[in-house]
Amino acid sequence: MFDWPIFLQGLSGLLAFGFLGWLLSLARHNVTHVDSMWSLFFVVAAAIYGYGTGAFDGDAMPRYCLVMSLVILWATRLFVYLTWRNWGPHEDHRYQAIRKNNEPHFWLKSLYIIFGLQAVLAWIVSLPLHGAIQSASELNWLDGLGAALMVFGLLWETIADWQLARFKANPENKGMVMDQGLWAYSRHPNYFGEFCVWWGFYLIACAAGAWWSVPAPLLMTLLLLKVSGVALLEKDIGERRPKYADYVARTNAFFPGPSKQKGNA
C-alpha cells in the first residue's frame, strides 16, 4: 500500500534538512558538505516514515527495525568517510565548477540546484524504505536476501574506499592509477557496492509487497552510471592521469569481472 500523505511528509522533512544544509553553506562559503548530508537524508526519511505509519510498535516493528538498522549502518559509514575525505575549507572541484557556471548569485541558486535537488533525489530513492516500513507483513526469505545483498554492497564499497584511501596516502602513487584490490575488477567498485545496497533495499520492499518502488533503484542506477557517478568522474580523468586509458582498456567500468587482455577491449 502506498501512502501519499506520509510520503509527502518525508519530502517536507528532507527539504527542511536540505535548507539547514544551505544555511550552513552560507556561513562556510562552501557547499561540499552536501556530500556528507546525502546519507543522512535517508535516516531522516526512514524516521519520518516510521513515525507516520506507527511502525515503532505493533506488527510492523520487525521490518522497521531491520530497515532502520541497515539504513543507519550504511548512512553512518558513508557520512564518516565523506566527511573525513572532504574535511577542510576548500570546496570540491566539482562544486567549484558548478559555482563558476552559476554565477552571479550562486549563494541563492545553490538552495535549489544543490541542496533542494539532493533532497528531492533522496526522497525518490527512499521509496523502498517507505514501502518496506509501512508494511505489517511478517519477515520472509526475501527480506533475508535483500539484507544479505545490502550488507554485501556495504562491505564491498567500504573495502573499495579503504583501498583507495591507502593508495592515495602513499606519496609514491601520486599521478598513478589505482588498479589493485577490488579496483582490478572494476573501475568503480565503490559505486557497484552502492548499486547492491539499493537493490538490496528494494528486495526488502518487495518482501513487504512494495514492488511498485522499483523507480527508486532504477534512478539510483542511472545516477551511478550516467549522471553523478561513472560518467562524471571519467569525464576528464584521462587528462589528469594519462595512464587511465590503459586502465579503461583492461578493466570493466562498473560490474566486476576479470581483467581483459590489453588490446582486446
Protein backbone atom coordinates (compact mmCIF):
# COMPACT_ATOMS: atom_id res chain seq x y z
CA MET A 1 0.00 0.00 0.00
CA PHE A 2 1.32 3.42 -0.97
CA ASP A 3 0.58 6.24 1.47
CA TRP A 4 0.93 9.62 -0.27
CA PRO A 5 0.43 11.82 2.84
CA ILE A 6 3.26 10.11 4.73
CA PHE A 7 5.49 10.06 1.64
CA LEU A 8 4.91 13.81 1.21
CA GLN A 9 5.76 14.32 4.88
CA GLY A 10 9.06 12.70 4.04
CA LEU A 11 9.62 15.24 1.25
CA SER A 12 8.86 18.11 3.64
CA GLY A 13 11.34 16.76 6.18
CA LEU A 14 14.07 16.28 3.58
CA LEU A 15 13.57 19.78 2.15
CA ALA A 16 13.81 21.20 5.67
CA PHE A 17 17.02 19.27 6.29
CA GLY A 18 18.39 20.49 2.94
CA PHE A 19 17.51 24.05 3.91
CA LEU A 20 19.60 23.71 7.08
CA GLY A 21 22.50 22.48 4.96
CA TRP A 22 22.10 25.51 2.70
CA LEU A 23 22.24 27.87 5.68
CA LEU A 24 25.48 26.17 6.76
CA SER A 25 26.90 26.66 3.24
CA LEU A 26 26.29 30.41 3.52
CA ALA A 27 28.36 30.53 6.69
CA ARG A 28 31.12 28.34 5.23
CA HIS A 29 31.06 29.73 1.67
CA ASN A 30 31.32 26.08 0.68
CA VAL A 31 28.68 23.52 -0.40
CA THR A 32 30.84 20.39 -0.25
CA HIS A 33 29.21 19.21 2.98
CA VAL A 34 26.14 18.28 0.93
CA ASP A 35 28.03 15.05 0.13
CA SER A 36 28.11 14.20 3.83
CA MET A 37 24.42 15.07 4.12
CA TRP A 38 23.41 12.65 1.36
CA SER A 39 23.27 9.53 3.53
CA LEU A 40 21.64 11.41 6.42
CA PHE A 41 18.71 12.32 4.18
CA PHE A 42 17.71 8.65 4.28
CA VAL A 43 17.92 8.40 8.06
CA VAL A 44 15.58 11.40 8.25
CA ALA A 45 13.24 9.84 5.66
CA ALA A 46 13.13 6.45 7.38
CA ALA A 47 12.43 8.08 10.75
CA ILE A 48 9.56 10.11 9.28
CA TYR A 49 8.06 7.08 7.54
CA GLY A 50 8.34 5.04 10.74
CA TYR A 51 6.70 7.71 12.86
CA GLY A 52 3.98 8.40 10.31
CA THR A 53 2.98 4.75 9.98
CA GLY A 54 3.28 3.95 13.68
CA ALA A 55 5.91 1.33 12.92
CA PHE A 56 7.61 1.86 16.28
CA ASP A 57 5.34 -0.80 17.74
CA GLY A 58 2.92 -3.44 16.53
CA ASP A 59 3.21 -5.87 13.63
CA ALA A 60 5.36 -3.51 11.52
CA MET A 61 8.07 -3.33 14.18
CA PRO A 62 10.31 -6.23 12.98
CA ARG A 63 10.73 -4.96 9.41
CA TYR A 64 11.04 -1.37 10.63
CA CYS A 65 13.89 -2.40 12.93
CA LEU A 66 15.57 -4.29 10.09
CA VAL A 67 15.32 -1.39 7.64
CA MET A 68 16.25 1.30 10.16
CA SER A 69 19.27 -0.67 11.39
CA LEU A 70 20.56 -1.18 7.84
CA VAL A 71 19.94 2.47 6.90
CA ILE A 72 21.77 3.77 9.98
CA LEU A 73 24.68 1.38 9.40
CA TRP A 74 25.04 2.43 5.77
CA ALA A 75 24.50 6.14 6.48
CA THR A 76 26.98 6.28 9.35
CA ARG A 77 29.71 4.63 7.30
CA LEU A 78 29.21 6.91 4.31
CA PHE A 79 28.82 10.06 6.42
CA VAL A 80 32.06 9.41 8.33
CA TYR A 81 34.01 8.52 5.19
CA LEU A 82 32.87 11.50 3.11
CA THR A 83 33.29 13.95 5.99
CA TRP A 84 36.82 12.69 6.57
CA ARG A 85 37.65 12.78 2.83
CA ASN A 86 36.29 16.29 2.27
CA TRP A 87 37.44 17.82 5.55
CA GLY A 88 38.88 21.30 5.14
CA PRO A 89 37.94 24.79 3.96
CA HIS A 90 38.40 24.12 0.24
CA GLU A 91 35.39 23.41 -1.92
CA ASP A 92 35.44 20.21 -4.00
CA HIS A 93 36.44 20.84 -7.63
CA ARG A 94 33.06 19.56 -8.86
CA TYR A 95 31.21 22.20 -6.86
CA GLN A 96 33.74 24.85 -7.83
CA ALA A 97 32.81 24.19 -11.46
CA ILE A 98 29.08 24.35 -10.66
CA ARG A 99 29.64 27.58 -8.75
CA LYS A 100 31.55 29.10 -11.68
CA ASN A 101 28.81 28.13 -14.14
CA ASN A 102 26.05 29.61 -11.98
CA GLU A 103 27.39 33.00 -11.02
CA PRO A 104 26.22 35.56 -10.17
CA HIS A 105 24.20 34.77 -7.04
CA PHE A 106 25.31 31.15 -6.72
CA TRP A 107 24.75 31.51 -2.98
CA LEU A 108 21.00 31.72 -3.70
CA LYS A 109 20.88 29.32 -6.64
CA SER A 110 22.62 26.64 -4.58
CA LEU A 111 19.46 26.41 -2.46
CA TYR A 112 17.69 24.59 -5.28
CA ILE A 113 20.42 23.32 -7.66
CA ILE A 114 22.45 21.71 -4.86
CA PHE A 115 20.53 21.24 -1.63
CA GLY A 116 16.97 21.18 -2.95
CA LEU A 117 17.88 18.81 -5.78
CA GLN A 118 19.67 16.43 -3.40
CA ALA A 119 16.63 16.42 -1.11
CA VAL A 120 14.25 15.57 -3.96
CA LEU A 121 16.52 12.85 -5.35
CA ALA A 122 16.88 11.32 -1.88
CA TRP A 123 13.10 11.44 -1.47
CA ILE A 124 12.55 9.46 -4.69
CA VAL A 125 15.31 6.98 -3.87
CA SER A 126 13.81 6.49 -0.39
CA LEU A 127 10.66 4.98 -1.94
CA PRO A 128 11.63 1.37 -0.99
CA LEU A 129 12.17 2.49 2.61
CA HIS A 130 8.63 3.85 2.68
CA GLY A 131 7.26 0.71 1.07
CA ALA A 132 9.05 -1.60 3.49
CA ILE A 133 8.43 0.33 6.69
CA GLN A 134 4.67 0.76 6.22
CA SER A 135 4.06 -2.99 5.87
CA ALA A 136 2.88 -5.11 8.79
CA SER A 137 3.51 -8.40 6.97
CA GLU A 138 5.85 -10.95 8.55
CA LEU A 139 9.52 -11.09 7.61
CA ASN A 140 10.28 -13.71 4.97
CA TRP A 141 13.12 -15.15 2.92
CA LEU A 142 13.10 -12.19 0.52
CA ASP A 143 13.86 -9.86 3.44
CA GLY A 144 16.88 -12.03 4.21
CA LEU A 145 18.03 -11.98 0.60
CA GLY A 146 17.65 -8.20 0.42
CA ALA A 147 19.50 -7.69 3.69
CA ALA A 148 22.30 -10.01 2.51
CA LEU A 149 22.66 -8.10 -0.79
CA MET A 150 22.63 -4.79 1.05
CA VAL A 151 25.32 -5.90 3.53
CA PHE A 152 27.41 -7.33 0.68
CA GLY A 153 27.24 -3.97 -1.11
CA LEU A 154 28.13 -2.11 2.07
CA LEU A 155 31.18 -4.29 2.67
CA TRP A 156 32.22 -4.06 -0.99
CA GLU A 157 32.14 -0.26 -1.09
CA THR A 158 33.79 0.00 2.34
CA ILE A 159 36.72 -2.16 1.26
CA ALA A 160 36.99 -0.27 -2.03
CA ASP A 161 37.07 3.12 -0.28
CA TRP A 162 39.65 1.85 2.24
CA GLN A 163 41.88 0.50 -0.52
CA LEU A 164 41.68 3.77 -2.45
CA ALA A 165 42.42 5.86 0.65
CA ARG A 166 45.53 3.78 1.37
CA PHE A 167 46.65 4.12 -2.25
CA LYS A 168 46.26 7.91 -2.23
CA ALA A 169 48.04 8.21 1.11
CA ASN A 170 51.25 6.83 -0.43
CA PRO A 171 53.23 9.72 -1.99
CA GLU A 172 54.79 7.31 -4.46
CA ASN A 173 51.37 6.82 -6.09
CA LYS A 174 50.84 10.49 -6.99
CA GLY A 175 49.53 10.71 -10.55
CA MET A 176 49.22 6.92 -10.76
CA VAL A 177 46.06 4.89 -11.39
CA MET A 178 44.58 2.70 -8.68
CA ASP A 179 44.27 -0.77 -10.24
CA GLN A 180 44.77 -3.02 -7.24
CA GLY A 181 42.43 -4.98 -4.96
CA LEU A 182 38.78 -4.56 -5.91
CA TRP A 183 39.84 -1.85 -8.34
CA ALA A 184 41.43 -4.54 -10.51
CA TYR A 185 37.97 -5.97 -11.22
CA SER A 186 36.03 -2.74 -11.67
CA ARG A 187 36.98 0.89 -12.22
CA HIS A 188 34.28 1.94 -9.77
CA PRO A 189 33.81 -0.80 -7.16
CA ASN A 190 32.50 1.73 -4.64
CA TYR A 191 29.64 2.60 -6.97
CA PHE A 192 28.95 -1.07 -7.64
CA GLY A 193 28.66 -1.54 -3.88
CA GLU A 194 26.16 1.32 -3.72
CA PHE A 195 24.21 -0.31 -6.54
CA CYS A 196 23.93 -3.51 -4.47
CA VAL A 197 22.86 -1.55 -1.39
CA TRP A 198 19.84 0.00 -3.08
CA TRP A 199 18.74 -3.10 -4.94
CA GLY A 200 19.00 -4.86 -1.57
CA PHE A 201 16.63 -2.32 -0.04
CA TYR A 202 14.32 -2.84 -3.00
CA LEU A 203 14.19 -6.60 -2.35
CA ILE A 204 13.18 -5.88 1.26
CA ALA A 205 10.45 -3.59 -0.08
CA CYS A 206 9.31 -6.37 -2.43
CA ALA A 207 9.13 -8.72 0.57
CA ALA A 208 6.66 -6.22 2.03
CA GLY A 209 4.65 -6.13 -1.21
CA ALA A 210 6.06 -2.78 -2.37
CA TRP A 211 7.19 -3.94 -5.83
CA TRP A 212 5.99 -0.56 -7.11
CA SER A 213 9.06 1.13 -5.55
CA VAL A 214 11.25 -0.05 -8.45
CA PRO A 215 11.71 3.52 -9.84
CA ALA A 216 14.00 4.19 -6.85
CA PRO A 217 16.75 1.61 -7.57
CA LEU A 218 16.42 2.34 -11.29
CA LEU A 219 17.01 6.05 -10.61
CA MET A 220 19.98 5.23 -8.36
CA THR A 221 21.45 3.01 -11.08
CA LEU A 222 21.03 5.83 -13.61
CA LEU A 223 22.72 8.31 -11.26
CA LEU A 224 25.63 5.96 -10.61
CA LEU A 225 26.21 5.12 -14.26
CA LYS A 226 25.25 8.18 -16.25
CA VAL A 227 24.97 11.28 -14.04
CA SER A 228 26.94 11.84 -10.84
CA GLY A 229 28.93 8.61 -10.80
CA VAL A 230 30.93 6.87 -13.51
CA ALA A 231 30.23 9.33 -16.34
CA LEU A 232 31.08 12.42 -14.26
CA LEU A 233 34.29 11.05 -12.77
CA GLU A 234 35.61 9.75 -16.08
CA LYS A 235 34.77 12.92 -17.99
CA ASP A 236 38.24 14.44 -17.55
CA ILE A 237 40.23 11.88 -15.57
CA GLY A 238 42.18 10.88 -18.67
CA GLU A 239 43.61 14.40 -18.84
CA ARG A 240 44.76 14.25 -15.23
CA ARG A 241 46.05 10.67 -15.39
CA PRO A 242 47.44 9.68 -18.83
CA LYS A 243 47.68 6.01 -17.80
CA TYR A 244 43.94 5.84 -17.22
CA ALA A 245 43.28 4.93 -20.89
CA ASP A 246 45.19 1.68 -20.42
CA TYR A 247 43.21 1.00 -17.24
CA VAL A 248 39.97 1.54 -19.18
CA ALA A 249 41.07 -0.90 -21.88
CA ARG A 250 41.60 -3.78 -19.46
CA THR A 251 39.10 -3.15 -16.64
CA ASN A 252 35.30 -3.25 -16.52
CA ALA A 253 33.71 0.11 -15.79
CA PHE A 254 31.09 -0.96 -13.25
CA PHE A 255 30.25 -4.63 -12.83
CA PRO A 256 33.26 -6.58 -11.51
CA GLY A 257 34.93 -9.03 -13.86
CA PRO A 258 38.33 -10.49 -14.74
CA SER A 259 40.94 -8.20 -16.24
CA LYS A 260 40.76 -8.01 -20.03
CA GLN A 261 43.77 -8.72 -22.18
CA LYS A 262 45.31 -5.48 -23.36
CA GLY A 263 44.16 -4.66 -26.86
CA ASN A 264 41.09 -6.94 -26.74
CA ALA A 265 38.76 -4.49 -25.04
